[in-house]
Amino acid sequence: MPVTKKSLFEEIKQFNRDKKKYALILLIVGFAGLLLPVIPGLMLIVLGIMLLHPKLGQALSEKIKDWVKFLFR
C-alpha cells in the first residue's frame, strides 16, 4: 500500500477539522478525572478549553498558576 505524504497545510486543515473532537474528549476525560484520583482532571479540562478557545484557556491557565503560587508560597 503506497504511503502518500500530506503537505503541512493539509495536515493543519485536518487538525482544525478534528480539533473540536479532541477538545471534547479532553473535557470528558478531564471531568472524569475530577472524580478519579489517577487522572489529572483539571489539566485535561484546561487543555480542552485551550483547544476550543485559546484566549480563554490562556487566561484560565494564568489564573491557575497564580492560585498555585499563592497556595504554596
Protein backbone atom coordinates (compact mmCIF):
# COMPACT_ATOMS: atom_id res chain seq x y z
CA MET A 1 0.00 0.00 0.00
CA PRO A 2 1.64 3.29 -1.06
CA VAL A 3 2.03 5.96 1.58
CA THR A 4 1.00 9.42 0.43
CA LYS A 5 2.59 12.36 2.13
CA LYS A 6 0.32 15.27 3.02
CA SER A 7 1.51 18.82 2.88
CA LEU A 8 1.79 20.77 6.09
CA PHE A 9 -1.15 22.94 5.02
CA GLU A 10 -3.35 19.86 4.55
CA GLU A 11 -2.33 18.50 7.95
CA ILE A 12 -3.18 21.82 9.61
CA LYS A 13 -6.57 21.90 7.88
CA GLN A 14 -7.25 18.34 9.04
CA PHE A 15 -6.30 19.22 12.63
CA ASN A 16 -8.60 22.25 12.56
CA ARG A 17 -11.44 19.98 11.46
CA ASP A 18 -10.73 17.45 14.20
CA LYS A 19 -9.91 20.00 16.93
CA LYS A 20 -13.42 20.02 18.43
CA LYS A 21 -13.41 16.22 18.72
CA TYR A 22 -10.08 16.29 20.54
CA ALA A 23 -11.29 19.05 22.85
CA LEU A 24 -14.48 17.16 23.68
CA ILE A 25 -12.51 14.02 24.51
CA LEU A 26 -10.14 16.01 26.74
CA LEU A 27 -13.07 17.65 28.53
CA ILE A 28 -14.89 14.35 29.13
CA VAL A 29 -11.76 12.62 30.43
CA GLY A 30 -10.94 15.73 32.48
CA PHE A 31 -14.32 15.74 34.20
CA ALA A 32 -13.90 12.01 34.88
CA GLY A 33 -10.50 12.89 36.31
CA LEU A 34 -12.12 15.15 38.86
CA LEU A 35 -13.70 12.02 40.34
CA LEU A 36 -10.88 9.54 39.74
CA PRO A 37 -7.60 10.16 41.56
CA VAL A 38 -5.26 8.80 38.86
CA ILE A 39 -6.36 11.13 36.03
CA PRO A 40 -5.20 14.79 36.14
CA GLY A 41 -8.67 16.25 35.62
CA LEU A 42 -8.02 19.97 35.92
CA MET A 43 -5.10 19.87 33.50
CA LEU A 44 -7.13 18.00 30.87
CA ILE A 45 -10.06 20.40 31.24
CA VAL A 46 -7.75 23.39 30.73
CA LEU A 47 -6.20 21.74 27.65
CA GLY A 48 -9.67 21.09 26.21
CA ILE A 49 -10.66 24.71 26.78
CA MET A 50 -7.40 25.86 25.19
CA LEU A 51 -8.24 23.89 22.05
CA LEU A 52 -11.73 25.40 21.84
CA HIS A 53 -10.93 28.97 22.94
CA PRO A 54 -7.19 29.71 23.09
CA LYS A 55 -7.50 33.15 24.73
CA LEU A 56 -9.88 31.90 27.42
CA GLY A 57 -7.67 28.87 28.02
CA GLN A 58 -4.58 31.05 28.38
CA ALA A 59 -6.34 33.33 30.87
CA LEU A 60 -7.56 30.31 32.83
CA SER A 61 -4.10 28.75 32.95
CA GLU A 62 -2.61 32.05 34.19
CA LYS A 63 -5.22 32.21 36.97
CA ILE A 64 -4.41 28.64 37.97
CA LYS A 65 -0.67 29.42 38.02
CA ASP A 66 -1.29 32.46 40.24
CA TRP A 67 -3.52 30.42 42.53
CA VAL A 68 -0.90 27.66 42.88
CA LYS A 69 1.84 30.23 43.58
CA PHE A 70 -0.36 31.83 46.25
CA LEU A 71 -1.19 28.44 47.75
CA PHE A 72 2.42 27.22 48.00
CA ARG A 73 4.37 30.34 48.89
